[in-house]
């Protein structure tokens, strides 16, 4: 089956690390696959995908192999989640998304929100159907969850971009004892107020990047459930995962 050509004359092939062939939970309302980009500008100690941090010279999954896979799944999949790493670091992301859309798939972007200019361009080009943005911590304590110094102004900008857009989106926070207290998590209430979706994710100690956190017990279900009334009062849909 022929692949659709790139629309750019100069290509910077995506650095891809792999593909999850099917997911029923990562793209709301869609049966989707997830393609993972290589490289990240954060070093979150609780990250479960730290092997995707280095940028390197190339990925382990060729871009054309991904499109060959995708072209054969048009009757089985509705959408594609572009995750990472951090996809907005990829210079060819716009063209990559356009090729996915031209094959008839809906697109979802997972992002940390540190590249608001890229987010704006992708939205202006109508290349996204859904955005999931990680909200790491309260803005005053953001670097504590990121492992590196982080300017918070880009985070504010990305939040404003999503709020002012017409796209469906969610914010999500990974809850990590020692990095967050229950009070810290509750304090996110004002930051997420009015968004369509907010997801609180319990971290997985087994695969945490920081060996110390691998010995840290996650929050109990009961502890996270105690936050439900706080967020259900201010967001359209609140989920604990």
Protein backbone atom coordinates (compact mmCIF):
# COMPACT_ATOMS: atom_id res chain seq x y z
CA UNK A 1 0.00 0.00 0.00
CA UNK A 2 1.62 3.33 -1.01
CA UNK A 3 2.46 5.80 1.72
CA UNK A 4 1.46 9.43 1.51
CA UNK A 5 4.43 11.67 0.74
CA UNK A 6 5.76 14.33 3.05
CA UNK A 7 4.57 17.86 2.31
CA UNK A 8 7.98 19.40 3.19
CA UNK A 9 10.91 19.67 0.79
CA UNK A 10 13.45 19.44 3.63
CA UNK A 11 12.95 16.61 6.08
CA UNK A 12 14.18 16.15 9.62
CA UNK A 13 12.99 12.59 10.26
CA UNK A 14 11.32 11.97 13.57
CA UNK A 15 13.44 10.22 16.18
CA UNK A 16 11.13 7.44 17.27
CA UNK A 17 11.67 4.89 20.03
CA UNK A 18 8.76 2.53 19.47
CA UNK A 19 5.05 1.99 19.10
CA UNK A 20 2.29 0.52 21.25
CA UNK A 21 0.00 -1.03 18.67
CA UNK A 22 -3.30 -0.56 20.49
CA UNK A 23 -4.68 1.34 23.45
CA UNK A 24 -8.28 1.81 24.56
CA UNK A 25 -7.58 4.33 27.36
CA UNK A 26 -5.01 6.88 26.14
CA UNK A 27 -7.14 8.68 23.54
CA UNK A 28 -10.64 9.35 24.91
CA UNK A 29 -13.29 7.87 22.67
CA UNK A 30 -10.78 6.37 20.24
CA UNK A 31 -9.10 3.05 19.58
CA UNK A 32 -5.54 4.23 19.05
CA UNK A 33 -1.88 3.36 18.87
CA UNK A 34 0.89 5.26 20.67
CA UNK A 35 4.12 6.26 18.97
CA UNK A 36 6.94 7.30 21.30
CA UNK A 37 9.46 10.00 20.40
CA UNK A 38 13.04 9.95 21.70
CA UNK A 39 14.37 12.85 23.76
CA UNK A 40 13.07 14.91 26.68
CA UNK A 41 13.92 18.28 28.21
CA UNK A 42 12.94 17.16 31.74
CA UNK A 43 14.38 14.61 34.15
CA UNK A 44 11.40 13.83 36.36
CA UNK A 45 12.62 11.42 39.09
CA UNK A 46 9.37 9.44 38.94
CA UNK A 47 9.45 9.04 35.14
CA UNK A 48 8.69 5.50 34.01
CA UNK A 49 10.11 6.09 30.52
CA UNK A 50 13.60 7.41 31.39
CA UNK A 51 15.10 5.40 28.51
CA UNK A 52 13.47 8.01 26.27
CA UNK A 53 15.39 10.92 27.85
CA UNK A 54 18.53 11.02 25.65
CA UNK A 55 18.20 12.76 22.31
CA UNK A 56 21.00 10.84 20.60
CA UNK A 57 21.57 10.54 16.88
CA UNK A 58 18.60 8.37 16.00
CA UNK A 59 15.78 6.26 17.30
CA UNK A 60 15.18 2.55 17.32
CA UNK A 61 12.01 2.67 15.20
CA UNK A 62 12.18 4.05 11.65
CA UNK A 63 9.59 6.65 10.68
CA UNK A 64 8.70 4.85 7.45
CA UNK A 65 8.22 1.59 9.37
CA UNK A 66 5.68 3.42 11.50
CA UNK A 67 3.77 4.68 8.48
CA UNK A 68 3.85 1.23 6.91
CA UNK A 69 2.29 -0.14 10.11
CA UNK A 70 -0.25 2.69 10.21
CA UNK A 71 -1.33 2.32 6.60
CA UNK A 72 -2.34 -1.27 7.35
CA UNK A 73 -4.43 -0.31 10.39
CA UNK A 74 -6.92 2.10 8.84
CA UNK A 75 -9.80 -0.32 9.44
CA UNK A 76 -8.78 -1.07 13.04
CA UNK A 77 -7.60 2.19 14.58
CA UNK A 78 -9.25 5.58 14.94
CA UNK A 79 -6.35 7.65 16.17
CA UNK A 80 -2.67 8.05 16.98
CA UNK A 81 -1.19 9.30 20.25
CA UNK A 82 2.18 11.01 19.78
CA UNK A 83 3.96 10.73 23.12
CA UNK A 84 7.49 10.64 24.44
CA UNK A 85 9.85 11.77 25.68
CA UNK A 86 8.69 15.20 24.61
CA UNK A 87 7.31 15.30 21.05
CA UNK A 88 7.45 19.10 20.68
CA UNK A 89 11.26 18.89 20.60
CA UNK A 90 11.06 17.13 17.22
CA UNK A 91 11.59 19.57 14.33
CA UNK A 92 9.50 17.46 11.95
CA UNK A 93 6.50 17.08 14.26
CA UNK A 94 4.20 19.26 12.14
CA UNK A 95 4.83 17.26 8.99
CA UNK A 96 4.59 13.99 10.92
CA UNK A 97 1.15 14.88 12.27
CA UNK A 98 0.01 16.03 8.85
CA UNK A 99 0.95 12.68 7.34
CA UNK A 100 -0.99 10.89 10.09
CA UNK A 101 -4.03 13.08 9.49
CA UNK A 102 -3.80 12.55 5.73
CA UNK A 103 -4.10 8.80 6.34
CA UNK A 104 -7.44 9.47 8.05
CA UNK A 105 -6.47 9.20 11.71
CA UNK A 106 -7.31 11.54 14.57
CA UNK A 107 -4.26 12.83 16.45
CA UNK A 108 -3.50 13.33 20.13
CA UNK A 109 -0.41 15.04 21.52
CA UNK A 110 1.11 14.28 24.92
CA UNK A 111 3.26 17.22 26.04
CA UNK A 112 4.88 18.80 29.09
CA UNK A 113 3.87 22.27 27.88
CA UNK A 114 7.37 23.75 27.74
CA UNK A 115 7.15 24.61 24.02
CA UNK A 116 4.04 26.82 23.75
CA UNK A 117 5.05 28.20 20.35
CA UNK A 118 5.01 24.69 18.89
CA UNK A 119 1.64 23.99 20.51
CA UNK A 120 0.22 27.19 19.05
CA UNK A 121 1.43 26.34 15.55
CA UNK A 122 0.02 22.82 15.65
CA UNK A 123 -3.36 24.13 16.82
CA UNK A 124 -3.37 26.90 14.21
CA UNK A 125 -2.67 24.32 11.52
CA UNK A 126 -5.57 22.15 12.79
CA UNK A 127 -3.25 19.18 13.22
CA UNK A 128 -4.52 18.06 16.63
CA UNK A 129 -7.79 16.58 17.86
CA UNK A 130 -6.79 16.24 21.51
CA UNK A 131 -3.98 17.41 23.80
CA UNK A 132 -2.89 15.93 27.13
CA UNK A 133 -0.58 18.22 29.08
CA UNK A 134 1.33 17.09 32.14
CA UNK A 135 1.03 19.46 35.07
CA UNK A 136 3.96 18.51 37.27
CA UNK A 137 3.36 20.54 40.44
CA UNK A 138 2.16 23.88 41.72
CA UNK A 139 3.99 26.53 39.70
CA UNK A 140 5.92 27.76 42.75
CA UNK A 141 7.40 24.27 43.24
CA UNK A 142 7.54 23.08 39.65
CA UNK A 143 11.25 22.20 39.48
CA UNK A 144 10.89 19.83 42.43
CA UNK A 145 8.98 17.43 40.18
CA UNK A 146 11.05 18.00 37.03
CA UNK A 147 14.60 17.14 38.10
CA UNK A 148 15.97 20.26 36.36
CA UNK A 149 15.37 24.02 36.67
CA UNK A 150 12.20 24.87 34.80
CA UNK A 151 10.82 28.27 33.74
CA UNK A 152 7.15 28.34 34.60
CA UNK A 153 6.12 31.07 32.15
CA UNK A 154 5.94 28.58 29.24
CA UNK A 155 3.69 26.40 31.40
CA UNK A 156 1.38 29.34 32.01
CA UNK A 157 1.38 30.14 28.31
CA UNK A 158 0.51 26.58 27.30
CA UNK A 159 -2.30 26.48 29.85
CA UNK A 160 -3.69 29.73 28.45
CA UNK A 161 -3.35 28.46 24.88
CA UNK A 162 -5.39 25.36 25.69
CA UNK A 163 -8.00 27.30 27.63
CA UNK A 164 -8.49 29.72 24.75
CA UNK A 165 -8.61 27.03 22.07
CA UNK A 166 -11.61 25.00 20.98
CA UNK A 167 -9.74 21.70 21.21
CA UNK A 168 -10.61 18.95 23.67
CA UNK A 169 -7.82 18.55 26.21
CA UNK A 170 -6.88 17.25 29.62
CA UNK A 171 -4.39 18.16 32.30
CA UNK A 172 -2.82 15.35 34.28
CA UNK A 173 -0.62 15.17 37.35
CA UNK A 174 1.37 12.20 38.60
CA UNK A 175 1.07 12.06 42.39
CA UNK A 176 4.37 11.09 44.08
CA UNK A 177 4.84 10.89 47.87
CA UNK A 178 7.87 12.94 48.86
CA UNK A 179 7.46 15.20 45.86
CA UNK A 180 3.80 15.95 46.51
CA UNK A 181 1.83 15.98 49.71
CA UNK A 182 -1.93 15.65 49.66
CA UNK A 183 -2.02 19.36 50.47
CA UNK A 184 0.17 20.09 47.42
CA UNK A 185 -2.18 18.14 45.21
CA UNK A 186 -5.25 19.86 46.63
CA UNK A 187 -3.57 23.21 45.94
CA UNK A 188 -3.73 22.45 42.21
CA UNK A 189 -7.44 23.16 42.41
CA UNK A 190 -7.17 26.78 41.29
CA UNK A 191 -4.74 25.94 38.48
CA UNK A 192 -7.06 23.36 36.92
CA UNK A 193 -10.38 25.06 37.66
CA UNK A 194 -12.59 25.19 34.58
CA UNK A 195 -10.68 22.68 32.44
CA UNK A 196 -12.68 19.93 30.72
CA UNK A 197 -10.63 17.05 32.13
CA UNK A 198 -8.14 16.59 34.96
CA UNK A 199 -6.52 13.23 35.70
CA UNK A 200 -4.62 12.38 38.87
CA UNK A 201 -2.24 9.50 38.20
CA UNK A 202 -0.67 7.41 40.97
CA UNK A 203 3.01 6.86 40.27
CA UNK A 204 4.51 3.42 39.74
CA UNK A 205 7.54 2.88 42.00
CA UNK A 206 8.83 -0.18 40.15
CA UNK A 207 9.89 1.74 37.05
CA UNK A 208 10.78 5.12 38.57
CA UNK A 209 13.95 6.74 37.22
CA UNK A 210 15.20 7.57 40.73
CA UNK A 211 16.23 4.37 42.56
CA UNK A 212 15.14 5.93 45.86
CA UNK A 213 11.58 6.30 44.59
CA UNK A 214 11.50 2.62 43.65
CA UNK A 215 11.41 1.99 47.40
CA UNK A 216 8.67 4.57 48.01
CA UNK A 217 5.11 3.39 48.48
CA UNK A 218 2.59 5.22 46.28
CA UNK A 219 -0.41 7.00 47.73
CA UNK A 220 -3.24 4.72 48.69
CA UNK A 221 -6.44 4.71 46.69
CA UNK A 222 -8.21 6.13 49.72
CA UNK A 223 -5.79 9.06 49.94
CA UNK A 224 -6.30 10.02 46.32
CA UNK A 225 -10.04 9.51 46.55
CA UNK A 226 -10.10 12.04 49.40
CA UNK A 227 -9.23 14.67 46.79
CA UNK A 228 -12.13 13.81 44.51
CA UNK A 229 -14.65 16.32 45.95
CA UNK A 230 -12.09 19.12 45.64
CA UNK A 231 -11.57 18.61 41.91
CA UNK A 232 -15.03 17.46 40.93
CA UNK A 233 -16.28 20.83 42.12
CA UNK A 234 -14.12 22.74 39.62
CA UNK A 235 -13.53 20.53 36.54
CA UNK A 236 -15.95 18.92 34.12
CA UNK A 237 -14.44 15.44 34.42
CA UNK A 238 -12.06 14.24 37.14
CA UNK A 239 -10.35 10.87 36.92
CA UNK A 240 -8.05 8.93 39.24
CA UNK A 241 -5.87 6.46 37.41
